[in-house]
Amino acid sequence: MSSKQAILDNIKRNIRAKYDMPDIDSINGIQYPDIEKQFIEISKTVGGNAIILQPGEDINEVIKSSYPDAKVIASNLPDITIATINPDDIGDPHELNGTDLGIIQGEIGVAENGCVWIPQNVKQKVVYFISEYLVIVLDKKNLVNNMHEAYKKIQFGDKGFGVFISGPSKTADIEQALVVGAHGAKGVMIILR
């Protein structure tokens, strides 16, 4: 018998009261009267920026004006014409080191915490994390109130990878010194269209 099994057996022998599992179908998460407004506000709270693409606005011009110094721009989105490299055409993910701006497609935005579900929809998923700055394009029809609603909609593609991204990368050490961009993008902009 392994030590792990011995520990589990000891726990089972010493459980005095047993409880039924909660009915997770009856959990009602938080609801917002204006999901778009809440998503934009929370995105700013977590250090990101969410904007609504206005009718007639060119997404490429909006991005270029927001990141005028970006030289290496990675995207596989067909309507992003300012991309200088396509992460689907890269064989070695190390070649994406030095990417100034990654422009990716988000699938679900959560108003509760400003996060966006990103299934792996590029060959080189490293673009999500190695880009200095990240732009997430999201259909505003795919905004949900809370994580409960988001989890019900999540589907994995053939690549089997996905990640929630909420604002720029952040970490704080024991001294509570906040560092932005330590493990990923220094800034995140979400364009709702």
Protein backbone atom coordinates (compact mmCIF):
# COMPACT_ATOMS: atom_id res chain seq x y z
CA MET A 1 0.00 0.00 0.00
CA SER A 2 1.30 3.43 -0.91
CA SER A 3 1.63 6.21 1.66
CA LYS A 4 -0.92 8.20 -0.33
CA GLN A 5 -3.47 5.38 -0.06
CA ALA A 6 -2.74 5.00 3.67
CA ILE A 7 -3.47 8.69 4.22
CA LEU A 8 -6.71 8.51 2.23
CA ASP A 9 -7.80 5.40 4.14
CA ASN A 10 -7.13 7.15 7.48
CA ILE A 11 -9.20 10.12 6.41
CA LYS A 12 -12.12 7.88 5.39
CA ARG A 13 -12.02 6.02 8.72
CA ASN A 14 -12.15 9.26 10.71
CA ILE A 15 -14.97 11.05 8.92
CA ARG A 16 -17.83 11.29 11.41
CA ALA A 17 -20.48 13.21 9.47
CA LYS A 18 -21.22 12.91 5.78
CA TYR A 19 -22.97 15.57 3.73
CA ASP A 20 -24.69 15.41 0.37
CA MET A 21 -23.07 17.29 -2.47
CA PRO A 22 -24.72 20.68 -3.11
CA ASP A 23 -26.99 21.05 -6.11
CA ILE A 24 -24.81 23.17 -8.36
CA ASP A 25 -27.66 23.73 -10.82
CA SER A 26 -29.38 25.90 -8.21
CA ILE A 27 -26.45 28.32 -7.81
CA ASN A 28 -27.41 31.75 -9.06
CA GLY A 29 -24.41 33.96 -9.69
CA ILE A 30 -24.40 37.72 -9.65
CA GLN A 31 -26.40 39.51 -12.38
CA TYR A 32 -25.76 42.99 -13.77
CA PRO A 33 -28.32 45.35 -15.32
CA ASP A 34 -25.73 46.51 -17.90
CA ILE A 35 -23.18 43.78 -18.68
CA GLU A 36 -21.16 45.93 -21.11
CA LYS A 37 -20.78 48.77 -18.62
CA GLN A 38 -19.82 46.37 -15.80
CA PHE A 39 -17.29 44.54 -17.99
CA ILE A 40 -15.63 47.81 -19.03
CA GLU A 41 -15.47 49.11 -15.44
CA ILE A 42 -14.05 45.87 -14.01
CA SER A 43 -11.53 45.59 -16.85
CA LYS A 44 -10.14 48.96 -15.78
CA THR A 45 -10.16 47.88 -12.14
CA VAL A 46 -7.94 44.88 -12.92
CA GLY A 47 -5.51 47.06 -14.87
CA GLY A 48 -6.79 46.51 -18.39
CA ASN A 49 -8.77 48.63 -20.79
CA ALA A 50 -11.98 47.65 -22.55
CA ILE A 51 -13.47 49.73 -25.33
CA ILE A 52 -16.42 49.38 -27.67
CA LEU A 53 -15.60 49.60 -31.37
CA GLN A 54 -17.95 52.21 -32.72
CA PRO A 55 -19.82 51.74 -36.01
CA GLY A 56 -17.61 52.83 -38.90
CA GLU A 57 -14.39 52.63 -36.86
CA ASP A 58 -11.53 50.66 -38.40
CA ILE A 59 -10.23 48.16 -35.85
CA ASN A 60 -6.74 48.38 -37.35
CA GLU A 61 -6.66 52.17 -36.92
CA VAL A 62 -7.92 51.92 -33.32
CA ILE A 63 -5.19 49.41 -32.46
CA LYS A 64 -2.43 51.29 -34.30
CA SER A 65 -3.34 54.57 -32.58
CA SER A 66 -3.33 52.82 -29.19
CA TYR A 67 0.06 51.15 -29.80
CA PRO A 68 1.93 53.47 -32.19
CA ASP A 69 5.38 52.12 -31.26
CA ALA A 70 4.53 48.45 -31.88
CA LYS A 71 6.75 47.09 -34.65
CA VAL A 72 6.32 43.32 -34.30
CA ILE A 73 2.60 42.58 -34.31
CA ALA A 74 1.41 38.97 -34.17
CA SER A 75 -2.11 37.94 -35.19
CA ASN A 76 -3.89 35.29 -37.18
CA LEU A 77 -7.19 37.18 -37.34
CA PRO A 78 -8.21 37.72 -40.97
CA ASP A 79 -9.38 41.32 -40.55
CA ILE A 80 -6.22 42.44 -38.73
CA THR A 81 -4.16 43.89 -41.56
CA ILE A 82 -1.50 45.55 -39.38
CA ALA A 83 -0.06 42.19 -38.27
CA THR A 84 3.57 41.70 -39.26
CA ILE A 85 3.66 37.99 -38.36
CA ASN A 86 1.12 35.19 -38.20
CA PRO A 87 1.70 32.88 -35.21
CA ASP A 88 0.25 30.03 -37.28
CA ASP A 89 3.17 30.34 -39.73
CA ILE A 90 5.84 30.06 -37.02
CA GLY A 91 7.43 26.65 -36.48
CA ASP A 92 9.41 27.41 -33.33
CA PRO A 93 7.58 29.38 -30.61
CA HIS A 94 10.91 30.98 -29.59
CA GLU A 95 10.68 32.99 -32.82
CA LEU A 96 7.85 34.99 -31.22
CA ASN A 97 10.18 36.36 -28.56
CA GLY A 98 10.27 40.12 -29.05
CA THR A 99 6.62 40.41 -30.07
CA ASP A 100 5.49 43.93 -29.22
CA LEU A 101 1.77 43.32 -29.67
CA GLY A 102 -0.35 40.18 -29.88
CA ILE A 103 -3.87 40.53 -31.26
CA ILE A 104 -6.05 37.53 -30.44
CA GLN A 105 -9.67 36.41 -30.48
CA GLY A 106 -11.52 36.05 -27.20
CA GLU A 107 -14.58 33.82 -26.89
CA ILE A 108 -16.34 34.75 -23.63
CA GLY A 109 -16.07 37.90 -21.49
CA VAL A 110 -17.10 37.84 -17.82
CA ALA A 111 -18.55 41.03 -16.33
CA GLU A 112 -18.01 39.79 -12.77
CA ASN A 113 -14.20 39.92 -12.97
CA GLY A 114 -13.23 41.31 -16.37
CA CYS A 115 -11.69 38.07 -17.58
CA VAL A 116 -11.88 36.70 -21.10
CA TRP A 117 -11.86 33.03 -22.07
CA ILE A 118 -9.25 32.38 -24.74
CA PRO A 119 -9.33 28.89 -26.23
CA GLN A 120 -6.22 27.98 -28.18
CA ASN A 121 -7.11 29.37 -31.57
CA VAL A 122 -3.54 29.89 -32.76
CA LYS A 123 -0.84 27.33 -33.49
CA GLN A 124 1.64 28.99 -31.13
CA LYS A 125 -0.22 29.75 -27.88
CA VAL A 126 2.91 31.39 -26.52
CA VAL A 127 1.71 34.58 -28.25
CA TYR A 128 -0.82 34.94 -25.40
CA PHE A 129 1.98 35.24 -22.86
CA ILE A 130 5.12 36.47 -24.61
CA SER A 131 3.64 39.58 -26.23
CA GLU A 132 4.59 42.81 -24.48
CA TYR A 133 1.02 44.04 -24.97
CA LEU A 134 -2.13 42.12 -25.82
CA VAL A 135 -5.29 43.13 -27.66
CA ILE A 136 -8.24 40.78 -27.27
CA VAL A 137 -11.03 41.10 -29.82
CA LEU A 138 -14.36 39.99 -28.37
CA ASP A 139 -17.89 39.92 -29.73
CA LYS A 140 -19.96 41.85 -27.19
CA LYS A 141 -22.77 39.31 -27.66
CA ASN A 142 -20.46 36.89 -25.83
CA LEU A 143 -20.43 38.80 -22.53
CA VAL A 144 -21.85 36.94 -19.54
CA ASN A 145 -22.59 38.05 -16.00
CA ASN A 146 -20.51 35.62 -13.97
CA MET A 147 -18.17 32.63 -14.00
CA HIS A 148 -21.06 30.17 -13.61
CA GLU A 149 -22.46 31.33 -16.95
CA ALA A 150 -18.99 31.31 -18.52
CA TYR A 151 -18.25 27.73 -17.49
CA LYS A 152 -21.50 26.57 -19.06
CA LYS A 153 -20.40 28.05 -22.41
CA ILE A 154 -16.78 26.89 -22.47
CA GLN A 155 -15.86 24.42 -25.15
CA PHE A 156 -12.41 23.10 -25.89
CA GLY A 157 -11.32 22.90 -29.49
CA ASP A 158 -9.13 20.25 -31.02
CA LYS A 159 -6.06 21.68 -29.26
CA GLY A 160 -7.50 21.16 -25.75
CA PHE A 161 -6.01 24.33 -24.23
CA GLY A 162 -7.64 27.47 -22.96
CA VAL A 163 -6.97 30.25 -20.48
CA PHE A 164 -8.84 33.05 -18.75
CA ILE A 165 -7.01 36.37 -19.05
CA SER A 166 -7.99 39.27 -16.81
CA GLY A 167 -5.99 42.42 -17.44
CA PRO A 168 -2.20 42.50 -17.63
CA SER A 169 0.03 40.01 -15.86
CA LYS A 170 0.36 40.90 -12.18
CA THR A 171 2.20 39.52 -9.19
CA ALA A 172 2.95 40.79 -5.70
CA ASP A 173 5.60 39.49 -3.34
CA ILE A 174 5.36 39.14 0.40
CA GLU A 175 6.17 42.84 0.78
CA GLN A 176 3.08 43.60 -1.31
CA ALA A 177 5.06 45.25 -4.08
CA LEU A 178 2.90 44.93 -7.21
CA VAL A 179 4.74 44.12 -10.42
CA VAL A 180 2.83 44.35 -13.71
CA GLY A 181 3.99 42.36 -16.70
CA ALA A 182 6.13 39.88 -14.78
CA HIS A 183 4.73 36.72 -16.36
CA GLY A 184 2.90 38.02 -19.40
CA ALA A 185 1.59 41.14 -21.08
CA LYS A 186 2.32 44.54 -19.54
CA GLY A 187 -1.01 45.78 -20.79
CA VAL A 188 -4.26 44.34 -22.12
CA MET A 189 -6.88 46.07 -24.21
CA ILE A 190 -10.17 44.37 -25.02
CA ILE A 191 -12.04 45.58 -28.09
CA LEU A 192 -15.74 44.79 -27.94
CA ARG A 193 -17.46 44.73 -31.30
